[in-house]
Protein backbone atom coordinates (compact mmCIF):
# COMPACT_ATOMS: atom_id res chain seq x y z
CA MET A 1 65.06 8.15 -34.88
CA LYS A 2 63.98 5.06 -36.90
CA LEU A 3 61.41 4.64 -39.29
CA LEU A 4 58.87 3.07 -36.66
CA ASP A 5 59.32 6.42 -34.63
CA LYS A 6 58.64 8.67 -37.17
CA TYR A 7 55.49 6.71 -37.91
CA ILE A 8 54.04 6.81 -34.74
CA ILE A 9 54.91 10.42 -34.17
CA ARG A 10 53.10 11.14 -37.40
CA LYS A 11 50.19 9.04 -36.12
CA PHE A 12 50.01 10.64 -32.76
CA LEU A 13 50.51 14.35 -33.60
CA GLY A 14 48.38 14.22 -36.98
CA THR A 15 45.36 12.22 -35.04
CA PHE A 16 45.62 15.18 -31.98
CA PHE A 17 45.78 18.04 -34.47
CA PHE A 18 43.14 17.04 -36.84
CA SER A 19 40.87 16.13 -33.49
CA MET A 20 41.62 19.34 -32.11
CA ALA A 21 40.89 21.21 -35.29
CA LEU A 22 37.48 19.70 -35.47
CA ILE A 23 36.38 20.49 -31.85
CA ILE A 24 37.44 24.03 -32.20
CA LEU A 25 35.49 24.30 -35.47
CA ILE A 26 32.33 22.72 -33.63
CA VAL A 27 32.86 25.46 -30.69
CA VAL A 28 33.34 28.12 -32.82
CA VAL A 29 30.27 27.72 -34.68
CA PHE A 30 28.39 27.20 -31.61
CA ASP A 31 29.84 30.28 -30.10
CA ILE A 32 28.86 32.24 -33.38
CA SER A 33 25.02 30.80 -33.06
CA GLU A 34 25.12 32.09 -29.68
CA LYS A 35 26.36 35.42 -29.72
CA ILE A 36 25.21 36.65 -33.40
CA ASP A 37 22.63 38.77 -31.88
CA ASP A 38 25.08 40.60 -29.71
CA PHE A 39 27.36 41.45 -32.59
CA LEU A 40 24.39 42.55 -34.58
CA ALA A 41 22.88 44.66 -31.95
CA LYS A 42 26.45 46.23 -31.17
CA GLU A 43 27.58 46.46 -34.54
CA ALA A 44 31.00 44.60 -33.92
CA PRO A 45 32.99 45.02 -36.94
CA LEU A 46 33.70 41.93 -38.82
CA LYS A 47 37.42 42.59 -38.28
CA ALA A 48 37.18 42.62 -34.76
CA ILE A 49 35.37 39.80 -34.42
CA VAL A 50 37.82 37.74 -36.21
CA PHE A 51 40.95 38.90 -34.91
CA ASP A 52 40.11 40.36 -31.64
CA TYR A 53 37.62 37.78 -30.42
CA TYR A 54 37.95 34.54 -31.98
CA PHE A 55 41.76 34.58 -32.66
CA ASN A 56 42.31 35.11 -28.88
CA PHE A 57 39.44 32.64 -28.29
CA ILE A 58 40.90 29.55 -29.92
CA PRO A 59 44.29 29.19 -28.18
CA PHE A 60 42.18 29.02 -24.85
CA PHE A 61 40.20 26.11 -25.92
CA LEU A 62 43.26 24.52 -27.74
CA ASN A 63 44.85 24.21 -24.23
CA LEU A 64 41.88 23.46 -22.38
CA PHE A 65 41.06 20.38 -24.50
CA SER A 66 44.49 19.32 -24.80
CA PRO A 67 44.96 16.57 -22.34
CA LEU A 68 41.63 14.96 -23.33
CA PHE A 69 42.23 14.92 -27.05
CA THR A 70 45.95 13.91 -26.46
CA PHE A 71 44.31 10.96 -24.63
CA ILE A 72 41.78 10.11 -27.18
CA ALA A 73 44.27 10.43 -30.06
CA VAL A 74 46.55 8.10 -28.31
CA ILE A 75 43.68 5.62 -27.87
CA PHE A 76 42.27 6.03 -31.34
CA PHE A 77 45.59 5.36 -33.37
CA THR A 78 47.13 2.92 -30.89
CA SER A 79 43.77 0.87 -30.63
CA GLN A 80 43.78 0.53 -34.64
CA MET A 81 47.60 -0.48 -34.72
CA ALA A 82 46.69 -3.32 -32.21
CA THR A 83 43.50 -4.16 -34.13
CA ARG A 84 46.00 -4.76 -37.18
CA THR A 85 48.18 -6.50 -35.14
CA GLU A 86 50.98 -4.04 -35.82
CA ILE A 87 51.67 -3.92 -32.03
CA VAL A 88 52.55 -7.51 -32.19
CA ALA A 89 54.54 -7.22 -35.06
CA ILE A 90 56.62 -4.60 -33.73
CA LEU A 91 57.37 -6.66 -30.16
CA SER A 92 57.81 -9.59 -32.17
CA SER A 93 60.60 -7.91 -34.01
CA GLY A 94 62.38 -7.43 -30.91
CA VAL A 95 61.66 -3.88 -30.05
CA SER A 96 61.04 -3.74 -26.26
CA TYR A 97 57.92 -2.38 -24.88
CA ASN A 98 59.96 0.50 -23.18
CA ARG A 99 61.44 1.31 -26.74
CA LEU A 100 57.91 1.49 -28.17
CA LEU A 101 57.00 3.92 -25.71
CA PHE A 102 59.71 6.61 -26.78
CA PRO A 103 57.89 8.15 -29.87
CA TYR A 104 55.04 8.39 -27.56
CA ILE A 105 56.89 10.51 -25.10
CA LEU A 106 58.48 12.31 -27.74
CA SER A 107 55.13 13.72 -29.16
CA ALA A 108 53.51 14.27 -25.70
CA THR A 109 56.78 16.36 -24.94
CA VAL A 110 55.83 18.68 -27.70
CA ILE A 111 52.25 18.71 -26.82
CA ALA A 112 53.33 19.45 -23.07
CA ILE A 113 55.87 22.14 -23.71
CA LEU A 114 53.19 24.01 -26.31
CA SER A 115 50.65 23.77 -23.45
CA LEU A 116 53.06 25.39 -21.21
CA TYR A 117 53.83 28.23 -23.38
CA LEU A 118 49.85 28.83 -24.21
CA ASN A 119 49.28 28.80 -20.54
CA ASN A 120 52.09 31.09 -18.89
CA PHE A 121 52.72 33.57 -22.31
CA VAL A 122 50.05 33.26 -24.95
CA ILE A 123 46.77 32.73 -23.32
CA PRO A 124 46.98 35.47 -20.75
CA HIS A 125 47.51 38.46 -23.49
CA ALA A 126 45.11 36.74 -25.97
CA THR A 127 42.41 36.65 -22.86
CA LYS A 128 42.96 40.50 -22.52
CA LYS A 129 41.93 41.19 -25.78
CA GLN A 130 39.01 38.85 -25.85
CA ILE A 131 37.87 40.41 -22.58
CA ALA A 132 38.22 43.94 -24.17
CA PHE A 133 36.12 43.04 -26.95
CA GLU A 134 33.59 41.43 -24.76
CA ASP A 135 33.18 44.62 -22.60
CA LYS A 136 32.70 46.60 -25.79
CA TYR A 137 30.46 44.49 -28.01
CA ILE A 138 29.04 42.01 -25.51
CA ARG A 139 28.85 42.62 -21.67
CA ASN A 140 26.61 45.17 -20.36
CA GLU A 141 28.07 48.22 -18.47
CA TYR A 142 29.97 47.30 -15.41
CA TYR A 143 28.89 48.48 -11.85
CA ASN A 144 30.89 47.79 -8.68
CA ASN A 145 29.05 48.57 -5.52
CA ASP A 146 31.10 46.54 -3.17
CA ARG A 147 30.94 46.75 0.55
CA ASN A 148 33.29 46.45 3.59
CA ILE A 149 36.26 46.82 1.39
CA HIS A 150 39.44 46.25 3.29
CA LEU A 151 43.12 46.68 1.73
CA GLN A 152 46.43 46.42 2.92
CA LEU A 153 48.69 48.45 0.63
CA SER A 154 51.96 47.91 2.72
CA PRO A 155 52.94 46.26 5.90
CA GLY A 156 51.30 48.53 8.67
CA ASN A 157 49.21 50.39 6.16
CA TYR A 158 45.50 49.63 6.03
CA VAL A 159 42.45 50.97 4.06
CA TYR A 160 38.77 50.65 4.61
CA MET A 161 35.72 51.61 2.80
CA GLU A 162 32.13 50.95 3.85
CA ARG A 163 30.97 50.94 -0.03
CA TYR A 164 32.69 51.87 -3.61
CA SER A 165 30.75 52.85 -6.35
CA SER A 166 32.46 52.24 -9.53
CA ASP A 167 30.16 54.40 -11.74
CA GLU A 168 30.88 57.50 -9.82
CA ASN A 169 34.26 56.29 -8.87
CA ILE A 170 33.54 57.24 -4.90
CA GLY A 171 34.44 55.42 -1.90
CA TYR A 172 32.22 56.18 1.35
CA LYS A 173 33.28 56.09 4.83
CA PHE A 174 36.88 55.91 3.99
CA SER A 175 39.73 55.56 6.59
CA ILE A 176 43.44 54.54 6.44
CA GLU A 177 45.54 53.21 9.34
CA LYS A 178 49.02 53.31 9.76
CA PHE A 179 51.14 51.39 12.28
CA ASN A 180 54.54 50.92 13.47
CA LYS A 181 55.86 48.23 15.26
CA GLY A 182 51.86 47.29 16.23
CA LYS A 183 50.96 50.67 17.46
CA LEU A 184 48.72 53.04 15.61
CA TYR A 185 50.71 56.46 14.66
CA TYR A 186 47.96 58.02 12.21
CA LYS A 187 44.55 57.49 10.95
CA LEU A 188 42.62 59.45 8.42
CA MET A 189 38.75 59.15 8.50
CA ALA A 190 36.66 60.96 5.75
CA GLU A 191 33.12 61.06 4.55
CA SER A 192 33.91 60.00 1.06
CA ILE A 193 36.61 60.00 -1.14
CA LYS A 194 36.49 60.47 -4.75
CA TRP A 195 39.00 59.70 -8.09
CA ASP A 196 39.88 62.78 -10.16
CA SER A 197 40.62 61.82 -13.62
CA LEU A 198 41.97 65.03 -14.80
CA LYS A 199 44.67 65.59 -11.86
CA ASN A 200 44.89 61.46 -11.44
CA ASN A 201 44.58 61.86 -7.59
CA TRP A 202 42.02 61.20 -4.98
CA VAL A 203 39.59 64.16 -3.42
CA ILE A 204 38.96 63.62 0.23
CA GLN A 205 36.00 65.06 1.61
CA ASN A 206 35.06 65.99 5.19
CA TYR A 207 38.03 64.72 6.53
CA TYR A 208 39.50 63.84 10.01
CA ILE A 209 43.11 63.13 10.85
CA ARG A 210 44.61 61.84 14.03
CA TYR A 211 48.40 61.96 14.37
CA LEU A 212 49.53 59.75 17.42
CA ASN A 213 53.03 60.19 19.34
CA GLY A 214 52.76 57.91 22.60
CA MET A 215 50.45 59.64 24.80
CA ASN A 216 50.40 62.81 22.59
CA GLU A 217 47.67 63.33 19.95
CA TYR A 218 47.16 65.85 17.48
CA ILE A 219 43.86 66.30 15.48
CA LYS A 220 43.44 67.86 12.22
CA LYS A 221 39.95 68.72 10.47
CA GLY A 222 39.18 69.56 7.10
CA THR A 223 36.82 69.96 4.38
CA THR A 224 38.38 68.99 0.99
CA ILE A 225 41.97 67.81 0.41
CA ASP A 226 43.80 66.14 -2.53
CA THR A 227 46.31 63.52 -2.25
CA THR A 228 47.71 60.42 -3.72
CA PHE A 229 47.48 57.04 -2.53
CA SER A 230 49.16 53.72 -3.82
CA PHE A 231 45.92 52.55 -5.47
CA THR A 232 43.46 53.61 -8.05
CA THR A 233 40.37 52.93 -9.33
CA LYS A 234 41.89 49.67 -10.77
CA GLU A 235 41.74 48.32 -7.80
CA PHE A 236 37.87 48.48 -8.04
CA GLY A 237 36.96 47.82 -11.52
CA ARG A 238 35.69 44.60 -13.20
CA LYS A 239 37.31 41.47 -11.61
CA ASP A 240 36.33 38.83 -13.99
CA ASN A 241 39.28 36.29 -15.17
CA THR A 242 41.67 38.82 -13.35
CA VAL A 243 44.72 36.22 -12.89
CA GLY A 244 43.88 34.79 -16.26
CA THR A 245 44.83 37.65 -18.33
CA MET A 246 48.52 37.75 -16.48
CA ASP A 247 51.32 35.89 -17.93
CA TYR A 248 53.92 33.86 -15.56
CA PHE A 249 55.73 36.86 -14.38
CA GLU A 250 52.86 39.15 -13.79
CA LEU A 251 50.96 36.30 -11.64
CA ASN A 252 53.99 35.96 -9.33
CA ASN A 253 54.23 39.64 -8.81
CA PHE A 254 50.37 39.91 -8.55
CA ILE A 255 50.30 37.04 -5.69
CA ASP A 256 53.23 38.63 -3.72
CA SER A 257 51.22 42.17 -3.80
CA GLU A 258 48.03 40.15 -2.78
CA LYS A 259 49.70 38.63 0.23
CA LEU A 260 51.24 41.85 1.12
CA LYS A 261 47.48 43.29 1.16
CA GLY A 262 46.34 40.39 3.18
CA SER A 263 43.94 39.14 0.23
CA ASP A 264 41.48 36.32 0.89
CA ASN A 265 41.81 35.15 -2.22
CA ILE A 266 45.32 33.98 -2.50
CA GLU A 267 44.52 30.23 -2.79
CA VAL A 268 42.75 30.95 -5.95
CA TYR A 269 45.53 32.66 -7.53
CA GLU A 270 48.02 29.85 -6.45
CA ILE A 271 45.57 27.30 -7.83
CA GLU A 272 45.92 29.09 -11.15
CA LYS A 273 49.82 29.46 -10.92
CA TYR A 274 50.36 25.87 -10.01
CA ARG A 275 47.51 24.71 -12.66
CA ARG A 276 49.77 26.26 -15.49
CA THR A 277 52.44 23.79 -14.79
CA ALA A 278 50.58 20.67 -13.98
CA PHE A 279 47.95 20.82 -16.59
CA PRO A 280 50.85 20.23 -19.28
CA PHE A 281 52.42 17.54 -17.31
CA ALA A 282 48.99 15.70 -17.19
CA THR A 283 49.84 15.10 -21.06
CA PHE A 284 52.49 12.34 -20.13
CA VAL A 285 50.18 10.74 -17.45
CA LEU A 286 47.43 10.68 -19.77
CA THR A 287 49.49 9.16 -22.83
CA LEU A 288 50.91 6.50 -20.97
CA ILE A 289 47.86 5.26 -19.53
CA GLY A 290 46.28 5.74 -23.39
CA VAL A 291 49.12 3.38 -24.71
CA ALA A 292 48.58 0.73 -21.59
CA ILE A 293 45.25 0.37 -22.61
CA ALA A 294 44.74 0.52 -26.14
CA SER A 295 48.03 -1.47 -27.46
CA ARG A 296 46.61 -4.87 -26.20
CA LYS A 297 43.98 -6.26 -29.01
CA ILE A 298 40.65 -7.05 -26.99
CA ARG A 299 37.13 -7.99 -27.72
CA GLY A 300 35.04 -4.95 -28.64
CA GLY A 301 38.29 -3.25 -30.40
CA ILE A 302 38.61 0.70 -30.96
CA GLY A 303 34.88 1.28 -29.37
CA MET A 304 35.80 -0.28 -25.87
CA HIS A 305 39.18 1.27 -25.97
CA ILE A 306 37.88 4.80 -26.52
CA GLY A 307 34.59 4.14 -24.07
CA LEU A 308 37.30 3.07 -21.37
CA GLY A 309 39.77 6.25 -22.37
CA ILE A 310 36.85 8.59 -22.08
CA PHE A 311 35.80 7.31 -18.92
CA ILE A 312 39.29 7.59 -17.08
CA SER A 313 39.96 11.12 -18.94
CA PHE A 314 36.72 12.71 -17.27
CA ALA A 315 37.47 10.81 -13.79
CA PHE A 316 40.93 12.47 -14.16
CA ILE A 317 39.28 15.95 -14.94
CA MET A 318 36.55 15.53 -12.23
CA PHE A 319 39.17 14.56 -9.50
CA MET A 320 41.36 17.40 -10.35
CA GLN A 321 38.01 19.74 -10.17
CA VAL A 322 37.39 17.94 -6.55
CA THR A 323 40.81 18.65 -5.27
CA THR A 324 40.98 22.26 -6.55
CA THR A 325 37.57 23.18 -4.87
CA PHE A 326 39.09 21.96 -1.35
CA ALA A 327 42.20 23.98 -1.96
CA ALA A 328 40.10 26.95 -2.83
CA SER A 329 38.21 26.36 0.65
CA GLY A 330 41.68 26.53 2.38
CA LEU A 331 41.12 22.79 3.31
CA VAL A 332 44.22 21.39 1.07
CA SER A 333 47.38 23.35 0.13
CA PRO A 334 47.11 24.55 -3.58
CA LEU A 335 50.23 22.84 -4.92
CA ILE A 336 49.09 19.71 -3.21
CA ALA A 337 45.80 19.78 -4.37
CA VAL A 338 46.73 20.71 -8.17
CA TRP A 339 48.97 18.02 -8.16
CA ILE A 340 47.70 15.12 -6.54
CA PRO A 341 45.60 13.96 -9.60
CA ASN A 342 48.98 13.74 -11.57
CA VAL A 343 50.57 11.68 -8.93
CA LEU A 344 47.90 9.45 -8.08
CA PHE A 345 46.92 8.84 -11.90
CA SER A 346 50.80 8.08 -12.40
CA PHE A 347 50.71 5.16 -10.34
CA LEU A 348 48.01 3.90 -12.58
CA ALA A 349 49.56 4.64 -15.40
CA TRP A 350 52.88 2.59 -14.16
CA TYR A 351 50.35 -0.27 -13.02
CA LEU A 352 48.65 -0.47 -16.64
CA LEU A 353 51.96 -0.30 -17.98
CA LYS A 354 53.38 -2.85 -15.88
CA ILE A 355 50.48 -5.40 -17.26
CA ALA A 356 50.54 -4.21 -20.59
CA GLN A 357 54.15 -5.68 -21.01
CA LYS A 358 53.11 -9.15 -19.86
């Protein structure tokens, strides 16, 4: 690594982390001003506010803004170098344009790896603690009154409830059906099903069971029966940001489980899975675009470079939001929807670099 590489890496990472520190400070100040009444009303301890909420709040915003501020950092310090004719001097000394990109790519790799690790392992666990704090000190008590609930417990095993009340832990008009090779052989219907937290099982009220074997049928009725199922009250608890609290391995297992149950939200879960990889990759794309734009000295200087850079970065973010919306609607594959902005803007980066080298 040459002195020039160290100079660019120091400029790149220094500008990036300094700008990130400033935006995080601003976000925290605004968040405190918004939530200070809740903290005081619920008597949240200062230690819990700092360590349980804001220490777990910061990694999410660091990762959220990292591609944008990578772009801005590249635009800012590279434009300064171009204005001072440092880029011209470097290229005139015999350094090729591709060789000039090496420290940029190396710095972008550091940020991308950090983002990838935060996305898949740090942020999910931090989000769990943040949500627990919000449930205790910010949010109101949660009630679930879902209607017409359908679950697939395993292949051939289906559960239906007309309504579930989380404050009572009771499901109404409950039924479970079991199939073998497409034929129904067991069906249980009950007026209600209630979770017994002491015994850790379900209590079924006024039940009616049908056992079927070909043309033969056996019926059993009863008032109360205790039993266990492969689902618990957690299935019907708060669903806010569920996938956001799962690390890489937990998310993969969860998606497999939801596919088995026949969930309608598979696309949403897969979008979250693929975004955790695509988002860090955007760091490389935006870095190359930033270098191609800012390495040329133009009229308007840094201001023009930053303005153009912000426009492109917001266009990228908006395009990603549009494609993921199509994926959530089932119109496009989640994998394609998440990666297509990176692919298209990679072509833009290639074109801009090709022009810049001339």
